[in-house]
Amino acid sequence: MSTETTLLARRQRALGRHSPLMYDTPLHLVRGEGVWVEDVDGRRYLDAYNNVPHVGHCHPHVVDAICRQAATLNIHTRYLHDNVVQYAERLTATFDPSLSVAMFTCTGTEANELALRIARFVSGGTGVIVSNFSYHGNSAALAAVTTGLPAHEALAPHARAVPIPDLNHWDGDPDQLALEYANGVLEAIRSLKAAGIKPAAILCDTTFSTEGLPRVPNGFLEQAVAHVREAGGLFIADEVQGGLGRTGDHMWAHQAYGVVPDLVTLGKPLGNGHPHAGVITRPDLLDIFASSALYFNTFAGNPVSAAAGLAVLDVMEREKLMQNAKAVGKYLQQGLARLSRKHALIGSVRGSGLFFGLELLRGAGKPASEETKRLVNAMRDRGILINRIGPHDNVLKMRPPMPFSRANAELLLSTLDDALTSL
């Protein structure tokens, strides 16, 4: 029996046989550096999927910052510490001036939980509007408003799910599409009110990543948020996947729209692998909430987490990684467009910066779900890690570490070309 087979059997006994693994043949990874990971046999893989090692796997500046602070002091945030304050100041400075205070958590799930608590307290409502294929966390409260992953929890009575427009599947006037789908949000509000439920918030990832990275028309989100605010609710922008410069044009994905959120939730990339997340909001909202509810988290925002966060911001600035995302992302979009003209299976090119994908369709626009799965595994066999998303699992999902270079992009494109040809 091979080492991998033995480890898999041990894992299933220790973690349960339903603990998820990627790929038909699971990977046994042992180290990483930059945009590369290495398996137990010494084979290297180009990582075009994992956004948690945001500035690169095991970046020495981040590793050193974590180690130095861990060797000095690590304690909760009910003591003064310069790291924590400095990090909050530098992080909030990347947002609209109105969003100037931070509350730290350990995970994106905790961040979305906290944002919903604040929205409900401030608004006096309980209703939540999400997309009809979304994911925002794995707590009971978030599972009850999750529509994009299997969960035992049915959609909660206080939740309404709305479809998201996609210009990739629309030949008419973009303004009309935006209006029609924003009216869907208005209908959701009316449905909540008819049930005696006041809206508390609309919660969405503004890259709409779980939804498959649709091309959303200008005006849709602005109108949707306006409807929710008129009903007394707030706008929560989930930046757990798409934030921290990944889209290239903006530090945060919501900044591509003409509306400022009331609360922004952060997670995955903040600590480059160190568990670190949070909520950014306005001082008035925080004051209303915190005057009646004590929020305290034993581990969140501790000096080591703050050191990791500061180091990530350092690297983002020094290595100009947002600018890199824009330049390499543009090159990738052009390359993916060329592939789409060559391979009939490609229905559309999606995303921006270093968060991009390909929608795969069979004849008559039918989602090519099985082919997408085969392609993900074919790329793994060729030494490149990607995954798939969307309601039909037919959109290739690629969001590599931010140092992803043009040479890395060329390797990804040529390997995708080969794998698509093999299908």
Protein backbone atom coordinates (compact mmCIF):
# COMPACT_ATOMS: atom_id res chain seq x y z
CA MET A 1 0.00 0.00 0.00
CA SER A 2 1.42 3.41 -1.01
CA THR A 3 2.15 6.21 1.46
CA GLU A 4 -0.67 8.30 -0.07
CA THR A 5 -3.18 5.43 0.21
CA THR A 6 -2.23 4.88 3.85
CA LEU A 7 -2.46 8.60 4.63
CA LEU A 8 -5.85 8.82 2.90
CA ALA A 9 -7.17 5.90 4.98
CA ARG A 10 -5.83 7.49 8.17
CA ARG A 11 -7.40 10.83 7.20
CA GLN A 12 -10.79 9.25 6.61
CA ARG A 13 -10.64 7.55 10.01
CA ALA A 14 -9.50 10.71 11.80
CA LEU A 15 -11.47 13.39 9.90
CA GLY A 16 -14.38 11.36 8.53
CA ARG A 17 -14.83 9.97 5.04
CA HIS A 18 -16.79 13.03 3.87
CA SER A 19 -14.02 15.54 4.67
CA PRO A 20 -13.55 17.13 1.22
CA LEU A 21 -10.45 16.72 -0.92
CA MET A 22 -9.62 18.27 -4.27
CA TYR A 23 -9.06 16.24 -7.43
CA ASP A 24 -9.85 12.63 -8.27
CA THR A 25 -6.33 11.73 -7.15
CA PRO A 26 -5.71 13.77 -3.96
CA LEU A 27 -2.50 15.75 -3.69
CA HIS A 28 -0.06 15.19 -0.81
CA LEU A 29 1.66 18.58 -0.61
CA VAL A 30 4.65 19.15 1.65
CA ARG A 31 5.99 22.63 0.85
CA GLY A 32 5.34 25.83 -1.06
CA GLU A 33 7.24 28.87 -2.31
CA GLY A 34 5.87 31.82 -4.25
CA VAL A 35 3.37 30.52 -6.82
CA TRP A 36 4.61 26.92 -6.57
CA VAL A 37 3.77 23.98 -4.33
CA GLU A 38 5.57 20.65 -4.13
CA ASP A 39 4.26 17.18 -3.40
CA VAL A 40 5.78 14.39 -1.33
CA ASP A 41 7.54 12.99 -4.41
CA GLY A 42 9.21 16.31 -5.23
CA ARG A 43 6.93 17.22 -8.16
CA ARG A 44 6.17 20.93 -8.43
CA TYR A 45 2.76 22.36 -9.31
CA LEU A 46 1.94 25.86 -10.48
CA ASP A 47 -0.71 27.15 -8.05
CA ALA A 48 -3.36 28.97 -10.06
CA TYR A 49 -6.08 28.48 -7.46
CA ASN A 50 -5.18 29.33 -3.88
CA ASN A 51 -5.79 32.93 -2.84
CA VAL A 52 -4.97 32.43 0.86
CA PRO A 53 -1.17 32.66 0.27
CA HIS A 54 -1.97 36.05 -1.21
CA VAL A 55 1.57 37.41 -1.56
CA GLY A 56 3.00 33.96 -2.29
CA HIS A 57 3.44 30.73 -0.38
CA CYS A 58 5.74 31.16 2.63
CA HIS A 59 6.78 34.70 1.73
CA PRO A 60 9.93 35.31 3.83
CA HIS A 61 8.87 38.79 4.98
CA VAL A 62 5.55 37.48 6.29
CA VAL A 63 7.10 34.37 7.84
CA ASP A 64 9.74 36.49 9.58
CA ALA A 65 7.14 38.95 10.91
CA ILE A 66 5.02 36.12 12.34
CA CYS A 67 8.00 34.37 13.92
CA ARG A 68 9.46 37.52 15.45
CA GLN A 69 6.18 38.57 17.04
CA ALA A 70 5.35 35.03 18.19
CA ALA A 71 8.74 34.90 19.90
CA THR A 72 8.06 38.23 21.64
CA LEU A 73 4.43 38.35 22.76
CA ASN A 74 1.06 37.04 21.71
CA ILE A 75 -1.99 38.06 23.72
CA HIS A 76 -5.61 39.05 23.15
CA THR A 77 -6.63 42.60 22.27
CA ARG A 78 -7.76 43.79 25.71
CA TYR A 79 -4.27 45.19 26.20
CA LEU A 80 -2.69 48.02 24.24
CA HIS A 81 -0.36 46.95 21.45
CA ASP A 82 1.07 49.06 18.64
CA ASN A 83 0.83 46.27 16.02
CA VAL A 84 -2.93 46.02 16.39
CA VAL A 85 -3.60 49.77 16.17
CA GLN A 86 -1.12 50.32 13.36
CA TYR A 87 -2.62 47.49 11.34
CA ALA A 88 -6.17 48.80 11.79
CA GLU A 89 -5.01 52.26 10.68
CA ARG A 90 -3.21 51.00 7.57
CA LEU A 91 -5.99 48.62 6.60
CA THR A 92 -8.85 51.12 6.96
CA ALA A 93 -6.85 53.70 4.99
CA THR A 94 -7.41 51.53 1.88
CA PHE A 95 -11.20 52.02 2.10
CA ASP A 96 -13.56 54.93 1.53
CA PRO A 97 -12.93 57.52 4.28
CA SER A 98 -16.32 56.77 5.79
CA LEU A 99 -15.23 53.18 6.51
CA SER A 100 -12.66 53.99 9.15
CA VAL A 101 -12.98 51.41 11.95
CA ALA A 102 -12.12 47.72 12.12
CA MET A 103 -13.30 44.78 14.20
CA PHE A 104 -11.13 41.69 13.87
CA THR A 105 -12.17 38.04 13.61
CA CYS A 106 -10.34 34.80 12.79
CA THR A 107 -12.31 33.69 9.72
CA GLY A 108 -14.56 35.00 6.99
CA THR A 109 -17.44 33.08 8.54
CA GLU A 110 -16.98 34.99 11.80
CA ALA A 111 -16.71 38.25 9.89
CA ASN A 112 -20.01 37.70 8.08
CA GLU A 113 -21.68 36.57 11.31
CA LEU A 114 -20.54 39.76 13.04
CA ALA A 115 -21.60 41.97 10.12
CA LEU A 116 -25.07 40.44 10.18
CA ARG A 117 -25.30 40.97 13.95
CA ILE A 118 -24.43 44.64 13.50
CA ALA A 119 -26.83 45.08 10.57
CA ARG A 120 -29.69 43.49 12.48
CA PHE A 121 -29.05 45.55 15.60
CA VAL A 122 -28.70 48.85 13.77
CA SER A 123 -31.59 48.33 11.34
CA GLY A 124 -33.97 46.65 13.74
CA GLY A 125 -34.69 44.10 11.02
CA THR A 126 -33.86 40.43 10.53
CA GLY A 127 -34.34 39.89 6.79
CA VAL A 128 -31.32 39.00 4.65
CA ILE A 129 -31.11 39.12 0.86
CA VAL A 130 -28.45 37.00 -0.88
CA SER A 131 -27.95 35.74 -4.41
CA ASN A 132 -29.53 32.48 -5.49
CA PHE A 133 -26.12 30.79 -5.66
CA SER A 134 -23.87 32.16 -2.93
CA TYR A 135 -21.68 31.14 -0.02
CA HIS A 136 -20.72 33.34 2.93
CA GLY A 137 -19.68 30.92 5.68
CA ASN A 138 -20.35 27.67 7.50
CA SER A 139 -22.00 28.71 10.77
CA ALA A 140 -25.64 27.80 11.40
CA ALA A 141 -26.79 31.37 10.74
CA LEU A 142 -24.87 31.59 7.46
CA ALA A 143 -25.80 28.07 6.34
CA ALA A 144 -29.42 29.21 6.67
CA VAL A 145 -28.81 31.90 4.03
CA THR A 146 -26.46 29.82 1.86
CA THR A 147 -27.71 28.90 -1.59
CA GLY A 148 -24.54 27.77 -3.36
CA LEU A 149 -23.35 24.75 -1.36
CA PRO A 150 -25.14 21.67 -0.06
CA ALA A 151 -26.46 22.19 3.47
CA HIS A 152 -29.06 20.49 5.65
CA GLU A 153 -30.39 23.88 6.66
CA ALA A 154 -33.23 25.03 4.42
CA LEU A 155 -33.25 28.67 3.33
CA ALA A 156 -34.39 30.51 6.43
CA PRO A 157 -37.83 32.18 6.55
CA HIS A 158 -36.05 35.53 7.01
CA ALA A 159 -33.92 35.04 3.87
CA ARG A 160 -34.65 35.76 0.23
CA ALA A 161 -32.45 34.68 -2.70
CA VAL A 162 -32.31 36.71 -5.91
CA PRO A 163 -30.72 35.93 -9.29
CA ILE A 164 -27.69 37.89 -10.50
CA PRO A 165 -27.62 39.28 -14.07
CA ASP A 166 -24.96 38.14 -16.51
CA LEU A 167 -24.18 40.06 -19.69
CA ASN A 168 -22.51 36.94 -21.06
CA HIS A 169 -26.01 35.58 -21.65
CA TRP A 170 -27.78 38.76 -22.75
CA ASP A 171 -27.93 40.43 -26.15
CA GLY A 172 -30.18 43.34 -25.23
CA ASP A 173 -29.78 46.69 -23.48
CA PRO A 174 -27.50 46.34 -20.40
CA ASP A 175 -29.46 49.05 -18.57
CA GLN A 176 -32.66 47.09 -19.05
CA LEU A 177 -31.02 43.93 -17.68
CA ALA A 178 -29.77 45.85 -14.63
CA LEU A 179 -33.24 47.28 -14.02
CA GLU A 180 -35.00 43.92 -14.35
CA TYR A 181 -32.71 42.19 -11.85
CA ALA A 182 -32.72 45.12 -9.43
CA ASN A 183 -36.51 44.84 -9.50
CA GLY A 184 -35.98 41.26 -8.35
CA VAL A 185 -34.39 42.66 -5.20
CA LEU A 186 -37.37 44.97 -4.79
CA GLU A 187 -39.67 41.94 -5.04
CA ALA A 188 -37.62 40.16 -2.37
CA ILE A 189 -38.07 43.16 -0.06
CA ARG A 190 -41.82 43.13 -0.69
CA SER A 191 -41.91 39.40 0.04
CA LEU A 192 -40.12 39.92 3.36
CA LYS A 193 -42.46 42.75 4.33
CA ALA A 194 -45.50 40.67 3.40
CA ALA A 195 -44.24 38.08 5.89
CA GLY A 196 -43.85 40.77 8.56
CA ILE A 197 -40.05 40.80 8.26
CA LYS A 198 -38.07 44.01 8.02
CA PRO A 199 -34.93 43.80 5.84
CA ALA A 200 -31.64 44.03 7.72
CA ALA A 201 -29.13 43.67 4.89
CA ILE A 202 -28.21 42.63 1.41
CA LEU A 203 -25.09 40.46 1.62
CA CYS A 204 -23.05 39.83 -1.51
CA ASP A 205 -19.56 39.13 -2.78
CA THR A 206 -19.22 41.82 -5.43
CA THR A 207 -17.08 39.57 -7.67
CA PHE A 208 -19.99 37.11 -7.46
CA SER A 209 -17.40 34.36 -7.39
CA THR A 210 -19.49 31.41 -6.22
CA GLU A 211 -22.06 32.44 -8.81
CA GLY A 212 -19.45 31.85 -11.53
CA LEU A 213 -17.95 35.34 -12.02
CA PRO A 214 -20.85 36.72 -14.11
CA ARG A 215 -20.39 39.97 -16.04
CA VAL A 216 -22.77 42.19 -14.07
CA PRO A 217 -24.20 45.26 -15.84
CA ASN A 218 -23.47 48.73 -14.51
CA GLY A 219 -26.23 49.99 -12.27
CA PHE A 220 -27.54 46.67 -11.00
CA LEU A 221 -25.80 46.66 -7.62
CA GLU A 222 -26.32 50.38 -7.09
CA GLN A 223 -30.08 50.05 -7.68
CA ALA A 224 -30.32 46.88 -5.57
CA VAL A 225 -28.58 48.55 -2.63
CA ALA A 226 -30.75 51.65 -2.99
CA HIS A 227 -33.88 49.49 -2.68
CA VAL A 228 -32.53 47.80 0.46
CA ARG A 229 -31.50 51.07 2.07
CA GLU A 230 -34.87 52.63 1.33
CA ALA A 231 -36.40 49.68 3.21
CA GLY A 232 -34.12 50.38 6.20
CA GLY A 233 -31.47 47.73 5.52
CA LEU A 234 -27.70 47.90 5.08
CA PHE A 235 -25.24 46.76 2.40
CA ILE A 236 -22.64 44.17 3.44
CA ALA A 237 -19.87 43.63 0.87
CA ASP A 238 -18.14 40.26 1.28
CA GLU A 239 -14.49 40.71 0.21
CA VAL A 240 -13.26 37.39 1.59
CA GLN A 241 -12.41 36.04 -1.88
CA GLY A 242 -12.06 39.02 -4.18
CA GLY A 243 -10.36 41.64 -2.04
CA LEU A 244 -6.86 42.99 -1.33
CA GLY A 245 -5.99 44.12 -4.85
CA ARG A 246 -6.88 40.88 -6.61
CA THR A 247 -9.05 42.43 -9.32
CA GLY A 248 -6.20 44.74 -10.33
CA ASP A 249 -8.10 48.00 -10.79
CA HIS A 250 -9.12 48.42 -7.15
CA MET A 251 -7.89 47.39 -3.73
CA TRP A 252 -11.37 46.04 -2.95
CA ALA A 253 -13.79 44.59 -5.50
CA HIS A 254 -16.73 46.71 -4.35
CA GLN A 255 -14.80 49.84 -5.32
CA ALA A 256 -15.62 49.06 -8.96
CA TYR A 257 -19.21 50.06 -8.24
CA GLY A 258 -20.78 53.43 -7.55
CA VAL A 259 -21.89 52.57 -4.04
CA VAL A 260 -20.06 52.47 -0.70
CA PRO A 261 -20.96 49.54 1.60
CA ASP A 262 -22.07 50.01 5.18
CA LEU A 263 -20.01 47.01 6.27
CA VAL A 264 -17.20 45.10 4.53
CA THR A 265 -16.16 41.59 5.53
CA LEU A 266 -12.61 40.33 5.06
CA GLY A 267 -10.84 37.01 5.43
CA LYS A 268 -8.76 34.48 3.51
CA PRO A 269 -5.79 36.53 2.13
CA LEU A 270 -5.27 38.98 5.02
CA GLY A 271 -2.69 36.90 6.88
CA ASN A 272 -1.18 34.96 3.95
CA GLY A 273 -2.18 31.70 5.60
CA HIS A 274 -2.30 32.90 9.19
CA PRO A 275 -6.00 32.88 10.28
CA HIS A 276 -6.98 36.54 10.11
CA ALA A 277 -10.23 38.28 9.15
CA GLY A 278 -12.43 41.20 10.10
CA VAL A 279 -15.20 43.72 9.52
CA ILE A 280 -14.67 47.28 8.33
CA THR A 281 -17.47 49.74 8.97
CA ARG A 282 -18.46 53.30 9.82
CA PRO A 283 -17.81 54.66 13.33
CA ASP A 284 -21.48 55.54 13.84
CA LEU A 285 -22.60 51.97 13.15
CA LEU A 286 -19.95 50.52 15.42
CA ASP A 287 -20.85 52.97 18.20
CA ILE A 288 -24.54 52.05 18.02
CA PHE A 289 -23.76 48.33 18.15
CA ALA A 290 -20.88 48.37 20.66
CA SER A 291 -22.72 50.60 23.13
CA SER A 292 -25.09 47.69 23.77
CA ALA A 293 -23.15 44.59 22.76
CA LEU A 294 -19.64 43.66 23.86
CA TYR A 295 -17.74 42.09 20.98
CA PHE A 296 -14.65 40.23 22.09
CA ASN A 297 -12.69 37.46 20.36
CA THR A 298 -9.93 35.61 22.20
CA PHE A 299 -7.68 35.11 19.20
CA ALA A 300 -8.78 37.67 16.61
CA GLY A 301 -6.53 40.63 15.88
CA ASN A 302 -3.81 39.51 18.26
CA PRO A 303 -0.29 40.94 17.86
CA VAL A 304 0.89 38.01 15.74
CA SER A 305 -2.14 38.27 13.44
CA ALA A 306 -1.57 42.01 13.15
CA ALA A 307 2.12 41.43 12.37
CA ALA A 308 1.11 39.04 9.60
CA GLY A 309 -1.40 41.56 8.24
CA LEU A 310 1.11 44.40 8.31
CA ALA A 311 3.70 42.26 6.52
CA VAL A 312 1.18 41.38 3.80
CA LEU A 313 0.46 45.08 3.25
CA ASP A 314 4.22 45.74 3.15
CA VAL A 315 4.72 43.15 0.41
CA MET A 316 1.69 44.37 -1.55
CA GLU A 317 3.23 47.85 -1.66
CA ARG A 318 6.90 46.94 -2.14
CA GLU A 319 6.30 44.38 -4.87
CA LYS A 320 3.49 46.39 -6.53
CA LEU A 321 1.25 43.35 -6.52
CA MET A 322 -1.99 45.12 -7.34
CA GLN A 323 -0.32 46.61 -10.41
CA ASN A 324 0.97 43.13 -11.26
CA ALA A 325 -2.57 41.74 -10.98
CA LYS A 326 -3.79 44.35 -13.44
CA ALA A 327 -0.99 43.80 -15.98
CA VAL A 328 -0.86 40.01 -15.84
CA GLY A 329 -4.64 39.86 -15.62
CA LYS A 330 -4.93 41.83 -18.87
CA TYR A 331 -2.45 39.49 -20.54
CA LEU A 332 -4.42 36.48 -19.30
CA GLN A 333 -7.73 37.89 -20.54
CA GLN A 334 -6.23 38.31 -24.00
CA GLY A 335 -4.82 34.77 -23.92
CA LEU A 336 -8.08 33.27 -22.69
CA ALA A 337 -9.95 35.13 -25.45
CA ARG A 338 -7.62 33.51 -28.01
CA LEU A 339 -8.36 30.10 -26.51
CA SER A 340 -12.09 30.81 -26.71
CA ARG A 341 -11.78 31.39 -30.46
CA LYS A 342 -9.90 28.10 -30.84
CA HIS A 343 -11.96 25.82 -28.60
CA ALA A 344 -15.72 25.58 -29.17
CA LEU A 345 -16.19 24.29 -25.62
CA ILE A 346 -15.43 27.76 -24.18
CA GLY A 347 -18.61 29.77 -23.79
CA SER A 348 -17.20 32.94 -22.19
CA VAL A 349 -14.12 34.44 -20.55
CA ARG A 350 -14.77 35.79 -17.05
CA GLY A 351 -13.31 37.85 -14.23
CA SER A 352 -10.64 40.52 -13.96
CA GLY A 353 -7.11 40.87 -12.63
CA LEU A 354 -5.96 37.66 -10.99
CA PHE A 355 -9.47 36.33 -10.44
CA PHE A 356 -10.55 34.85 -13.74
CA GLY A 357 -12.27 31.90 -15.32
CA LEU A 358 -13.68 30.16 -18.37
CA GLU A 359 -17.29 29.11 -18.78
CA LEU A 360 -17.51 25.77 -20.62
CA LEU A 361 -20.62 25.00 -22.70
CA ARG A 362 -21.66 22.15 -24.97
CA GLY A 363 -23.91 22.68 -27.98
CA ALA A 364 -27.04 24.79 -27.53
CA GLY A 365 -25.48 26.47 -24.50
CA LYS A 366 -25.74 23.45 -22.21
CA PRO A 367 -23.35 23.60 -19.22
CA ALA A 368 -20.38 21.29 -19.79
CA SER A 369 -20.14 20.22 -16.15
CA GLU A 370 -18.52 16.83 -16.68
CA GLU A 371 -15.99 18.22 -19.15
CA THR A 372 -15.10 20.96 -16.66
CA LYS A 373 -14.40 18.37 -13.97
CA ARG A 374 -12.25 16.38 -16.38
CA LEU A 375 -10.35 19.51 -17.35
CA VAL A 376 -9.62 20.41 -13.70
CA ASN A 377 -8.16 16.95 -13.17
CA ALA A 378 -6.30 17.04 -16.49
CA MET A 379 -4.65 20.30 -15.46
CA ARG A 380 -3.66 18.77 -12.12
CA ASP A 381 -2.08 15.86 -13.99
CA ARG A 382 -0.17 18.40 -16.10
CA GLY A 383 1.12 20.20 -12.99
CA ILE A 384 -1.27 23.16 -12.67
CA LEU A 385 -3.85 23.60 -9.91
CA ILE A 386 -7.25 25.13 -10.73
CA ASN A 387 -10.84 24.39 -9.69
CA ARG A 388 -14.44 25.00 -10.81
CA ILE A 389 -17.42 27.06 -9.66
CA GLY A 390 -20.88 28.19 -10.69
CA PRO A 391 -24.41 26.80 -10.33
CA HIS A 392 -23.54 24.03 -12.80
CA ASP A 393 -19.86 23.62 -11.84
CA ASN A 394 -18.95 24.54 -15.42
CA VAL A 395 -16.79 27.62 -14.82
CA LEU A 396 -13.06 27.13 -14.35
CA LYS A 397 -11.94 29.05 -11.27
CA MET A 398 -8.46 30.58 -11.20
CA ARG A 399 -7.19 32.97 -8.52
CA PRO A 400 -3.43 32.42 -8.09
CA PRO A 401 -1.12 34.06 -5.55
CA MET A 402 -0.54 37.70 -6.46
CA PRO A 403 3.12 37.37 -7.63
CA PHE A 404 1.81 35.31 -10.60
CA SER A 405 3.96 36.46 -13.50
CA ARG A 406 3.56 36.73 -17.25
CA ALA A 407 5.74 33.62 -17.60
CA ASN A 408 3.42 31.78 -15.20
CA ALA A 409 0.47 33.01 -17.25
CA GLU A 410 2.05 31.71 -20.48
CA LEU A 411 2.53 28.29 -18.89
CA LEU A 412 -1.07 28.29 -17.67
CA LEU A 413 -2.42 29.27 -21.10
CA SER A 414 -0.35 26.75 -23.06
CA THR A 415 -1.26 23.96 -20.64
CA LEU A 416 -4.94 24.89 -20.79
CA ASP A 417 -4.73 24.81 -24.57
CA ASP A 418 -3.23 21.33 -24.48
CA ALA A 419 -5.73 20.04 -21.92
CA LEU A 420 -8.70 21.47 -23.86
CA THR A 421 -7.40 19.84 -27.03
CA SER A 422 -7.17 16.50 -25.20
CA LEU A 423 -10.87 16.69 -24.32
